[in-house]
Amino acid sequence: MKSNTIGTIWVKLMILAITISALLFGWNLWREQQQRINDAKISFSIDLQDNVSTPKLLDYVKVSIGINGETLLRQKIKVRLNGIDSSVEKRQELFYTTSYKYTFGRVAIAPQYVFELVLSDGTIKHMTTVDNIDRIINVDTDITLNLENRYARLDRDFILQWRNIDKGYNIDFSARYPDGHNGYDRVPLVETNRAEGKYIVPHQKFVSEHGQIKYLQLSIIRDRSDFSVGEYFDNRSDINYSSFYSKTINFAR
């Protein structure tokens, strides 16, 4: 009886020792991973899209980090934007690969956007600050289109005028014509970074060999990537802020 009791106690002690060893191994592994993250020059990618047609909110903000996706989830590593934590978006890509991106909900327009990486031990690392950004234009006063009831007319020349477009913005004005194969050809009309100008599309050009013009497309875009990277991160990290205005001009039929 005594022998059985000793044997039972021995088994329990062995199970306890194995459990403690496993916990210590897991803890040490976590600490090693945490230390590698603390010591490494991590790369990241940040993409901000600002559509000036929505005056109070950014279109979207997405962030990806050069750390294994499962590690991000397991260690609950967060990205913080102007004090607001993000959520991780897990997406199945082509060829059975999985991508992990940090996404934010409704992000209000602000003078600057401060990004921080928050580790599971509470350590905060400054990633970048996106600032000194001017939204493109006052659409109502700086862009003039001769529309009638929101449409262009096929029997009248179309006139595009613009002014006060800040340096660094590119204007792209094009037309779409039927291509004869149930699709459309894009025909460039204006590609410039001039601050002001005027362009007239004669109404005679609204018909091609394959039929009437489908629509005109105006885009004004500025991309910036000249933002500094925090000292703990890889200088090759990618930060892009895109401010844009886009309008499709349809014709009265």
C-alpha atoms as a PDB file:
ATOM      1  CA  MET A   1       0.000   0.000   0.000  1.00  0.00           C
ATOM      2  CA  LYS A   2       2.847   2.311   0.953  1.00  0.00           C
ATOM      3  CA  SER A   3       4.630   1.478  -2.299  1.00  0.00           C
ATOM      4  CA  ASN A   4       1.542   2.414  -4.352  1.00  0.00           C
ATOM      5  CA  THR A   5       1.248   5.739  -2.519  1.00  0.00           C
ATOM      6  CA  ILE A   6       4.887   6.578  -3.187  1.00  0.00           C
ATOM      7  CA  GLY A   7       4.432   5.620  -6.839  1.00  0.00           C
ATOM      8  CA  THR A   8       1.373   7.893  -7.164  1.00  0.00           C
ATOM      9  CA  ILE A   9       3.218  10.803  -5.564  1.00  0.00           C
ATOM     10  CA  TRP A  10       6.194  10.175  -7.887  1.00  0.00           C
ATOM     11  CA  VAL A  11       3.960  10.264 -10.984  1.00  0.00           C
ATOM     12  CA  LYS A  12       2.312  13.495  -9.850  1.00  0.00           C
ATOM     13  CA  LEU A  13       5.703  15.080  -9.209  1.00  0.00           C
ATOM     14  CA  MET A  14       6.849  14.036 -12.676  1.00  0.00           C
ATOM     15  CA  ILE A  15       3.729  15.539 -14.259  1.00  0.00           C
ATOM     16  CA  LEU A  16       4.265  18.736 -12.259  1.00  0.00           C
ATOM     17  CA  ALA A  17       7.920  18.910 -13.324  1.00  0.00           C
ATOM     18  CA  ILE A  18       7.010  18.397 -16.982  1.00  0.00           C
ATOM     19  CA  THR A  19       4.288  21.067 -16.756  1.00  0.00           C
ATOM     20  CA  ILE A  20       6.685  23.557 -15.141  1.00  0.00           C
ATOM     21  CA  SER A  21       9.344  22.774 -17.767  1.00  0.00           C
ATOM     22  CA  ALA A  22       6.831  23.338 -20.572  1.00  0.00           C
ATOM     23  CA  LEU A  23       5.725  26.632 -19.038  1.00  0.00           C
ATOM     24  CA  LEU A  24       9.328  27.764 -18.615  1.00  0.00           C
ATOM     25  CA  PHE A  25      10.124  26.736 -22.202  1.00  0.00           C
ATOM     26  CA  GLY A  26       7.094  28.675 -23.488  1.00  0.00           C
ATOM     27  CA  TRP A  27       8.031  31.693 -21.375  1.00  0.00           C
ATOM     28  CA  ASN A  28      11.647  31.650 -22.568  1.00  0.00           C
ATOM     29  CA  LEU A  29      10.516  31.242 -26.172  1.00  0.00           C
ATOM     30  CA  TRP A  30       8.144  34.208 -25.777  1.00  0.00           C
ATOM     31  CA  ARG A  31      10.917  36.294 -24.194  1.00  0.00           C
ATOM     32  CA  GLU A  32      13.330  35.380 -27.003  1.00  0.00           C
ATOM     33  CA  GLN A  33      10.766  36.357 -29.633  1.00  0.00           C
ATOM     34  CA  GLN A  34       9.993  39.541 -27.722  1.00  0.00           C
ATOM     35  CA  GLN A  35      13.699  40.374 -27.493  1.00  0.00           C
ATOM     36  CA  ARG A  36      14.193  39.723 -31.212  1.00  0.00           C
ATOM     37  CA  ILE A  37      11.311  42.062 -31.957  1.00  0.00           C
ATOM     38  CA  ASN A  38      12.767  44.654 -29.590  1.00  0.00           C
ATOM     39  CA  ASP A  39      16.240  44.364 -31.122  1.00  0.00           C
ATOM     40  CA  ALA A  40      15.349  43.956 -34.802  1.00  0.00           C
ATOM     41  CA  LYS A  41      15.055  46.718 -37.358  1.00  0.00           C
ATOM     42  CA  ILE A  42      11.501  45.873 -38.360  1.00  0.00           C
ATOM     43  CA  SER A  43      10.164  47.030 -41.713  1.00  0.00           C
ATOM     44  CA  PHE A  44       6.624  48.207 -42.283  1.00  0.00           C
ATOM     45  CA  SER A  45       4.337  49.608 -44.954  1.00  0.00           C
ATOM     46  CA  ILE A  46       1.742  52.334 -44.405  1.00  0.00           C
ATOM     47  CA  ASP A  47      -0.799  53.450 -47.005  1.00  0.00           C
ATOM     48  CA  LEU A  48      -3.143  56.414 -46.432  1.00  0.00           C
ATOM     49  CA  GLN A  49      -5.747  57.310 -49.060  1.00  0.00           C
ATOM     50  CA  ASP A  50      -7.414  60.727 -48.816  1.00  0.00           C
ATOM     51  CA  ASN A  51     -10.318  61.375 -51.178  1.00  0.00           C
ATOM     52  CA  VAL A  52     -11.084  65.112 -51.003  1.00  0.00           C
ATOM     53  CA  SER A  53     -14.662  64.392 -52.013  1.00  0.00           C
ATOM     54  CA  THR A  54     -15.165  63.122 -48.429  1.00  0.00           C
ATOM     55  CA  PRO A  55     -14.198  66.230 -46.433  1.00  0.00           C
ATOM     56  CA  LYS A  56     -14.125  64.767 -42.904  1.00  0.00           C
ATOM     57  CA  LEU A  57     -12.705  61.255 -43.242  1.00  0.00           C
ATOM     58  CA  LEU A  58      -9.793  59.477 -44.874  1.00  0.00           C
ATOM     59  CA  ASP A  59     -10.743  56.890 -47.471  1.00  0.00           C
ATOM     60  CA  TYR A  60      -8.716  54.212 -45.688  1.00  0.00           C
ATOM     61  CA  VAL A  61      -5.540  53.480 -43.747  1.00  0.00           C
ATOM     62  CA  LYS A  62      -3.724  50.148 -43.986  1.00  0.00           C
ATOM     63  CA  VAL A  63      -0.534  49.030 -42.264  1.00  0.00           C
ATOM     64  CA  SER A  64       1.510  45.862 -42.680  1.00  0.00           C
ATOM     65  CA  ILE A  65       4.439  44.830 -40.468  1.00  0.00           C
ATOM     66  CA  GLY A  66       7.475  42.716 -41.376  1.00  0.00           C
ATOM     67  CA  ILE A  67       6.735  40.179 -38.630  1.00  0.00           C
ATOM     68  CA  ASN A  68       5.214  36.727 -39.101  1.00  0.00           C
ATOM     69  CA  GLY A  69       1.431  37.108 -39.085  1.00  0.00           C
ATOM     70  CA  GLU A  70       0.802  34.387 -36.504  1.00  0.00           C
ATOM     71  CA  THR A  71       3.345  36.058 -34.210  1.00  0.00           C
ATOM     72  CA  LEU A  72       1.432  39.313 -34.547  1.00  0.00           C
ATOM     73  CA  LEU A  73      -1.751  37.588 -33.464  1.00  0.00           C
ATOM     74  CA  ARG A  74      -0.185  35.421 -30.749  1.00  0.00           C
ATOM     75  CA  GLN A  75       1.719  38.257 -29.117  1.00  0.00           C
ATOM     76  CA  LYS A  76      -1.140  40.726 -29.622  1.00  0.00           C
ATOM     77  CA  ILE A  77       1.126  43.311 -31.232  1.00  0.00           C
ATOM     78  CA  LYS A  78      -0.851  46.441 -32.054  1.00  0.00           C
ATOM     79  CA  VAL A  79      -0.494  49.472 -34.292  1.00  0.00           C
ATOM     80  CA  ARG A  80      -1.801  52.722 -32.873  1.00  0.00           C
ATOM     81  CA  LEU A  81      -2.840  55.754 -34.943  1.00  0.00           C
ATOM     82  CA  ASN A  82      -3.364  59.039 -33.119  1.00  0.00           C
ATOM     83  CA  GLY A  83      -4.019  57.068 -29.943  1.00  0.00           C
ATOM     84  CA  ILE A  84      -6.499  54.640 -31.538  1.00  0.00           C
ATOM     85  CA  ASP A  85      -5.689  50.908 -31.735  1.00  0.00           C
ATOM     86  CA  SER A  86      -6.153  49.029 -34.978  1.00  0.00           C
ATOM     87  CA  SER A  87      -7.570  45.607 -35.735  1.00  0.00           C
ATOM     88  CA  VAL A  88      -5.779  42.867 -37.685  1.00  0.00           C
ATOM     89  CA  GLU A  89      -7.296  41.840 -41.001  1.00  0.00           C
ATOM     90  CA  LYS A  90      -6.386  38.284 -42.020  1.00  0.00           C
ATOM     91  CA  ARG A  91      -6.888  37.635 -45.724  1.00  0.00           C
ATOM     92  CA  GLN A  92      -6.439  34.545 -47.870  1.00  0.00           C
ATOM     93  CA  GLU A  93      -4.468  35.450 -50.981  1.00  0.00           C
ATOM     94  CA  LEU A  94      -3.617  33.574 -54.178  1.00  0.00           C
ATOM     95  CA  PHE A  95      -1.554  30.375 -54.087  1.00  0.00           C
ATOM     96  CA  TYR A  96      -2.719  29.556 -50.540  1.00  0.00           C
ATOM     97  CA  THR A  97      -0.837  32.446 -48.963  1.00  0.00           C
ATOM     98  CA  THR A  98      -2.193  34.542 -46.109  1.00  0.00           C
ATOM     99  CA  SER A  99      -1.654  38.258 -45.561  1.00  0.00           C
ATOM    100  CA  TYR A 100      -2.080  40.250 -42.359  1.00  0.00           C
ATOM    101  CA  LYS A 101      -2.836  43.955 -42.385  1.00  0.00           C
ATOM    102  CA  TYR A 102      -3.754  46.400 -39.675  1.00  0.00           C
ATOM    103  CA  THR A 103      -6.861  48.362 -40.556  1.00  0.00           C
ATOM    104  CA  PHE A 104      -8.612  51.287 -38.959  1.00  0.00           C
ATOM    105  CA  GLY A 105     -12.260  52.218 -39.101  1.00  0.00           C
ATOM    106  CA  ARG A 106     -13.406  55.767 -39.698  1.00  0.00           C
ATOM    107  CA  VAL A 107     -10.281  57.925 -39.436  1.00  0.00           C
ATOM    108  CA  ALA A 108     -10.989  61.642 -39.123  1.00  0.00           C
ATOM    109  CA  ILE A 109      -9.007  64.187 -41.128  1.00  0.00           C
ATOM    110  CA  ALA A 110      -6.250  65.566 -38.885  1.00  0.00           C
ATOM    111  CA  PRO A 111      -3.219  67.892 -39.132  1.00  0.00           C
ATOM    112  CA  GLN A 112      -0.965  64.879 -38.615  1.00  0.00           C
ATOM    113  CA  TYR A 113      -1.118  61.103 -38.278  1.00  0.00           C
ATOM    114  CA  VAL A 114       1.133  59.533 -35.624  1.00  0.00           C
ATOM    115  CA  PHE A 115       1.768  55.779 -35.952  1.00  0.00           C
ATOM    116  CA  GLU A 116       3.111  53.653 -33.083  1.00  0.00           C
ATOM    117  CA  LEU A 117       3.846  49.962 -32.614  1.00  0.00           C
ATOM    118  CA  VAL A 118       2.640  48.605 -29.257  1.00  0.00           C
ATOM    119  CA  LEU A 119       4.260  45.358 -28.087  1.00  0.00           C
ATOM    120  CA  SER A 120       2.595  42.901 -25.745  1.00  0.00           C
ATOM    121  CA  ASP A 121       4.744  44.044 -22.799  1.00  0.00           C
ATOM    122  CA  GLY A 122       3.473  47.607 -23.252  1.00  0.00           C
ATOM    123  CA  THR A 123       6.579  48.899 -25.035  1.00  0.00           C
ATOM    124  CA  ILE A 124       5.673  51.639 -27.517  1.00  0.00           C
ATOM    125  CA  LYS A 125       7.845  52.341 -30.552  1.00  0.00           C
ATOM    126  CA  HIS A 126       7.312  55.390 -32.738  1.00  0.00           C
ATOM    127  CA  MET A 127       6.936  54.320 -36.379  1.00  0.00           C
ATOM    128  CA  THR A 128       6.381  57.590 -38.239  1.00  0.00           C
ATOM    129  CA  THR A 129       4.469  60.855 -38.302  1.00  0.00           C
ATOM    130  CA  VAL A 130       2.657  61.804 -41.497  1.00  0.00           C
ATOM    131  CA  ASP A 131       2.374  65.595 -41.387  1.00  0.00           C
ATOM    132  CA  ASN A 132       2.673  68.811 -43.409  1.00  0.00           C
ATOM    133  CA  ILE A 133      -0.033  67.551 -45.738  1.00  0.00           C
ATOM    134  CA  ASP A 134      -2.328  69.919 -47.577  1.00  0.00           C
ATOM    135  CA  ARG A 135      -5.505  68.574 -49.084  1.00  0.00           C
ATOM    136  CA  ILE A 136      -5.653  69.194 -52.816  1.00  0.00           C
ATOM    137  CA  ILE A 137      -8.162  71.837 -53.643  1.00  0.00           C
ATOM    138  CA  ASN A 138     -11.466  73.468 -53.034  1.00  0.00           C
ATOM    139  CA  VAL A 139     -13.372  71.440 -55.594  1.00  0.00           C
ATOM    140  CA  ASP A 140     -16.264  73.900 -55.758  1.00  0.00           C
ATOM    141  CA  THR A 141     -14.130  76.903 -56.714  1.00  0.00           C
ATOM    142  CA  ASP A 142     -10.909  75.575 -58.272  1.00  0.00           C
ATOM    143  CA  ILE A 143     -12.395  73.224 -60.881  1.00  0.00           C
ATOM    144  CA  THR A 144     -14.789  74.501 -63.530  1.00  0.00           C
ATOM    145  CA  LEU A 145     -16.672  72.150 -65.886  1.00  0.00           C
ATOM    146  CA  ASN A 146     -19.289  73.342 -68.345  1.00  0.00           C
ATOM    147  CA  LEU A 147     -22.017  70.905 -67.377  1.00  0.00           C
ATOM    148  CA  GLU A 148     -25.743  71.154 -67.873  1.00  0.00           C
ATOM    149  CA  ASN A 149     -27.811  69.395 -65.205  1.00  0.00           C
ATOM    150  CA  ARG A 150     -24.652  67.490 -64.211  1.00  0.00           C
ATOM    151  CA  TYR A 151     -24.042  66.222 -67.748  1.00  0.00           C
ATOM    152  CA  ALA A 152     -21.816  67.191 -70.678  1.00  0.00           C
ATOM    153  CA  ARG A 153     -23.489  67.694 -74.058  1.00  0.00           C
ATOM    154  CA  LEU A 154     -22.537  65.860 -77.242  1.00  0.00           C
ATOM    155  CA  ASP A 155     -23.347  68.887 -79.400  1.00  0.00           C
ATOM    156  CA  ARG A 156     -21.200  71.358 -77.451  1.00  0.00           C
ATOM    157  CA  ASP A 157     -17.452  71.696 -76.835  1.00  0.00           C
ATOM    158  CA  PHE A 158     -16.404  70.603 -73.370  1.00  0.00           C
ATOM    159  CA  ILE A 159     -14.289  73.026 -71.340  1.00  0.00           C
ATOM    160  CA  LEU A 160     -12.158  72.127 -68.340  1.00  0.00           C
ATOM    161  CA  GLN A 161     -10.573  74.912 -66.281  1.00  0.00           C
ATOM    162  CA  TRP A 162      -8.510  74.639 -63.125  1.00  0.00           C
ATOM    163  CA  ARG A 163      -6.603  76.965 -60.824  1.00  0.00           C
ATOM    164  CA  ASN A 164      -4.814  77.056 -57.446  1.00  0.00           C
ATOM    165  CA  ILE A 165      -3.687  73.446 -57.776  1.00  0.00           C
ATOM    166  CA  ASP A 166      -0.765  73.055 -55.389  1.00  0.00           C
ATOM    167  CA  LYS A 167       2.682  72.056 -56.550  1.00  0.00           C
ATOM    168  CA  GLY A 168       3.169  68.310 -56.610  1.00  0.00           C
ATOM    169  CA  TYR A 169      -0.308  67.439 -57.826  1.00  0.00           C
ATOM    170  CA  ASN A 170      -0.757  65.837 -61.229  1.00  0.00           C
ATOM    171  CA  ILE A 171      -3.809  66.387 -63.408  1.00  0.00           C
ATOM    172  CA  ASP A 172      -4.935  63.526 -65.609  1.00  0.00           C
ATOM    173  CA  PHE A 173      -7.842  64.146 -67.988  1.00  0.00           C
ATOM    174  CA  SER A 174      -8.893  61.434 -70.427  1.00  0.00           C
ATOM    175  CA  ALA A 175     -11.732  60.129 -72.570  1.00  0.00           C
ATOM    176  CA  ARG A 176     -13.221  56.661 -72.977  1.00  0.00           C
ATOM    177  CA  TYR A 177     -14.354  55.492 -76.421  1.00  0.00           C
ATOM    178  CA  PRO A 178     -15.808  52.158 -77.534  1.00  0.00           C
ATOM    179  CA  ASP A 179     -13.040  49.864 -78.778  1.00  0.00           C
ATOM    180  CA  GLY A 180     -15.236  47.772 -81.061  1.00  0.00           C
ATOM    181  CA  HIS A 181     -14.926  44.714 -78.786  1.00  0.00           C
ATOM    182  CA  ASN A 182     -17.433  45.431 -76.007  1.00  0.00           C
ATOM    183  CA  GLY A 183     -14.805  47.416 -74.118  1.00  0.00           C
ATOM    184  CA  TYR A 184     -13.388  50.928 -74.026  1.00  0.00           C
ATOM    185  CA  ASP A 185     -10.173  52.600 -75.084  1.00  0.00           C
ATOM    186  CA  ARG A 186      -8.615  55.245 -72.846  1.00  0.00           C
ATOM    187  CA  VAL A 187      -7.455  58.322 -74.777  1.00  0.00           C
ATOM    188  CA  PRO A 188      -5.274  60.776 -72.773  1.00  0.00           C
ATOM    189  CA  LEU A 189      -6.223  64.439 -73.223  1.00  0.00           C
ATOM    190  CA  VAL A 190      -4.269  66.312 -70.519  1.00  0.00           C
ATOM    191  CA  GLU A 191      -1.408  65.160 -68.309  1.00  0.00           C
ATOM    192  CA  THR A 192       0.168  68.072 -66.447  1.00  0.00           C
ATOM    193  CA  ASN A 193       1.240  69.469 -63.074  1.00  0.00           C
ATOM    194  CA  ARG A 194       0.552  73.102 -63.972  1.00  0.00           C
ATOM    195  CA  ALA A 195      -1.169  75.056 -61.196  1.00  0.00           C
ATOM    196  CA  GLU A 196      -3.751  76.492 -63.554  1.00  0.00           C
ATOM    197  CA  GLY A 197      -4.928  75.969 -67.086  1.00  0.00           C
ATOM    198  CA  LYS A 198      -7.729  75.402 -69.548  1.00  0.00           C
ATOM    199  CA  TYR A 199      -8.482  72.632 -72.014  1.00  0.00           C
ATOM    200  CA  ILE A 200     -11.216  72.445 -74.647  1.00  0.00           C
ATOM    201  CA  VAL A 201     -12.472  69.187 -76.156  1.00  0.00           C
ATOM    202  CA  PRO A 202     -14.164  70.018 -79.500  1.00  0.00           C
ATOM    203  CA  HIS A 203     -17.532  68.320 -79.796  1.00  0.00           C
ATOM    204  CA  GLN A 204     -16.447  66.899 -83.151  1.00  0.00           C
ATOM    205  CA  LYS A 205     -14.136  64.561 -81.210  1.00  0.00           C
ATOM    206  CA  PHE A 206     -16.993  62.968 -79.320  1.00  0.00           C
ATOM    207  CA  VAL A 207     -17.420  60.377 -82.074  1.00  0.00           C
ATOM    208  CA  SER A 208     -14.789  57.794 -83.030  1.00  0.00           C
ATOM    209  CA  GLU A 209     -14.773  55.127 -85.708  1.00  0.00           C
ATOM    210  CA  HIS A 210     -16.412  52.758 -83.213  1.00  0.00           C
ATOM    211  CA  GLY A 211     -19.126  55.080 -81.927  1.00  0.00           C
ATOM    212  CA  GLN A 212     -19.900  57.889 -79.491  1.00  0.00           C
ATOM    213  CA  ILE A 213     -17.706  58.763 -76.564  1.00  0.00           C
ATOM    214  CA  LYS A 214     -18.701  56.990 -73.339  1.00  0.00           C
ATOM    215  CA  TYR A 215     -17.434  59.445 -70.694  1.00  0.00           C
ATOM    216  CA  LEU A 216     -14.627  61.802 -69.646  1.00  0.00           C
ATOM    217  CA  GLN A 217     -12.484  61.134 -66.579  1.00  0.00           C
ATOM    218  CA  LEU A 218     -10.714  63.766 -64.462  1.00  0.00           C
ATOM    219  CA  SER A 219      -8.207  62.806 -61.765  1.00  0.00           C
ATOM    220  CA  ILE A 220      -6.018  65.072 -59.637  1.00  0.00           C
ATOM    221  CA  ILE A 221      -3.519  63.147 -57.544  1.00  0.00           C
ATOM    222  CA  ARG A 222      -0.621  63.819 -55.252  1.00  0.00           C
ATOM    223  CA  ASP A 223       1.514  61.032 -53.780  1.00  0.00           C
ATOM    224  CA  ARG A 224       3.974  61.670 -50.971  1.00  0.00           C
ATOM    225  CA  SER A 225       6.430  59.246 -49.437  1.00  0.00           C
ATOM    226  CA  ASP A 226       9.071  61.574 -47.951  1.00  0.00           C
ATOM    227  CA  PHE A 227       8.288  60.822 -44.315  1.00  0.00           C
ATOM    228  CA  SER A 228      10.901  59.886 -41.718  1.00  0.00           C
ATOM    229  CA  VAL A 229      11.001  56.426 -40.145  1.00  0.00           C
ATOM    230  CA  GLY A 230      11.352  55.878 -36.374  1.00  0.00           C
ATOM    231  CA  GLU A 231      14.826  54.912 -35.152  1.00  0.00           C
ATOM    232  CA  TYR A 232      13.821  51.358 -34.215  1.00  0.00           C
ATOM    233  CA  PHE A 233      12.627  50.536 -37.722  1.00  0.00           C
ATOM    234  CA  ASP A 234      14.160  49.721 -41.088  1.00  0.00           C
ATOM    235  CA  ASN A 235      14.754  52.898 -43.114  1.00  0.00           C
ATOM    236  CA  ARG A 236      13.520  51.054 -46.196  1.00  0.00           C
ATOM    237  CA  SER A 237      10.013  50.998 -44.743  1.00  0.00           C
ATOM    238  CA  ASP A 238       7.368  52.306 -47.130  1.00  0.00           C
ATOM    239  CA  ILE A 239       5.066  55.204 -46.176  1.00  0.00           C
ATOM    240  CA  ASN A 240       2.685  56.596 -48.766  1.00  0.00           C
ATOM    241  CA  TYR A 241       0.075  59.332 -48.469  1.00  0.00           C
ATOM    242  CA  SER A 242      -2.152  59.827 -51.494  1.00  0.00           C
ATOM    243  CA  SER A 243      -4.527  62.776 -51.805  1.00  0.00           C
ATOM    244  CA  PHE A 244      -6.818  62.645 -54.793  1.00  0.00           C
ATOM    245  CA  TYR A 245      -9.926  63.958 -56.495  1.00  0.00           C
ATOM    246  CA  SER A 246     -11.673  61.922 -59.161  1.00  0.00           C
ATOM    247  CA  LYS A 247     -14.728  62.703 -61.267  1.00  0.00           C
ATOM    248  CA  THR A 248     -16.452  60.840 -64.073  1.00  0.00           C
ATOM    249  CA  ILE A 249     -18.217  63.131 -66.553  1.00  0.00           C
ATOM    250  CA  ASN A 250     -21.110  61.486 -68.337  1.00  0.00           C
ATOM    251  CA  PHE A 251     -22.935  62.761 -71.419  1.00  0.00           C
ATOM    252  CA  ALA A 252     -26.618  63.482 -71.835  1.00  0.00           C
ATOM    253  CA  ARG A 253     -28.001  60.976 -74.329  1.00  0.00           C
END
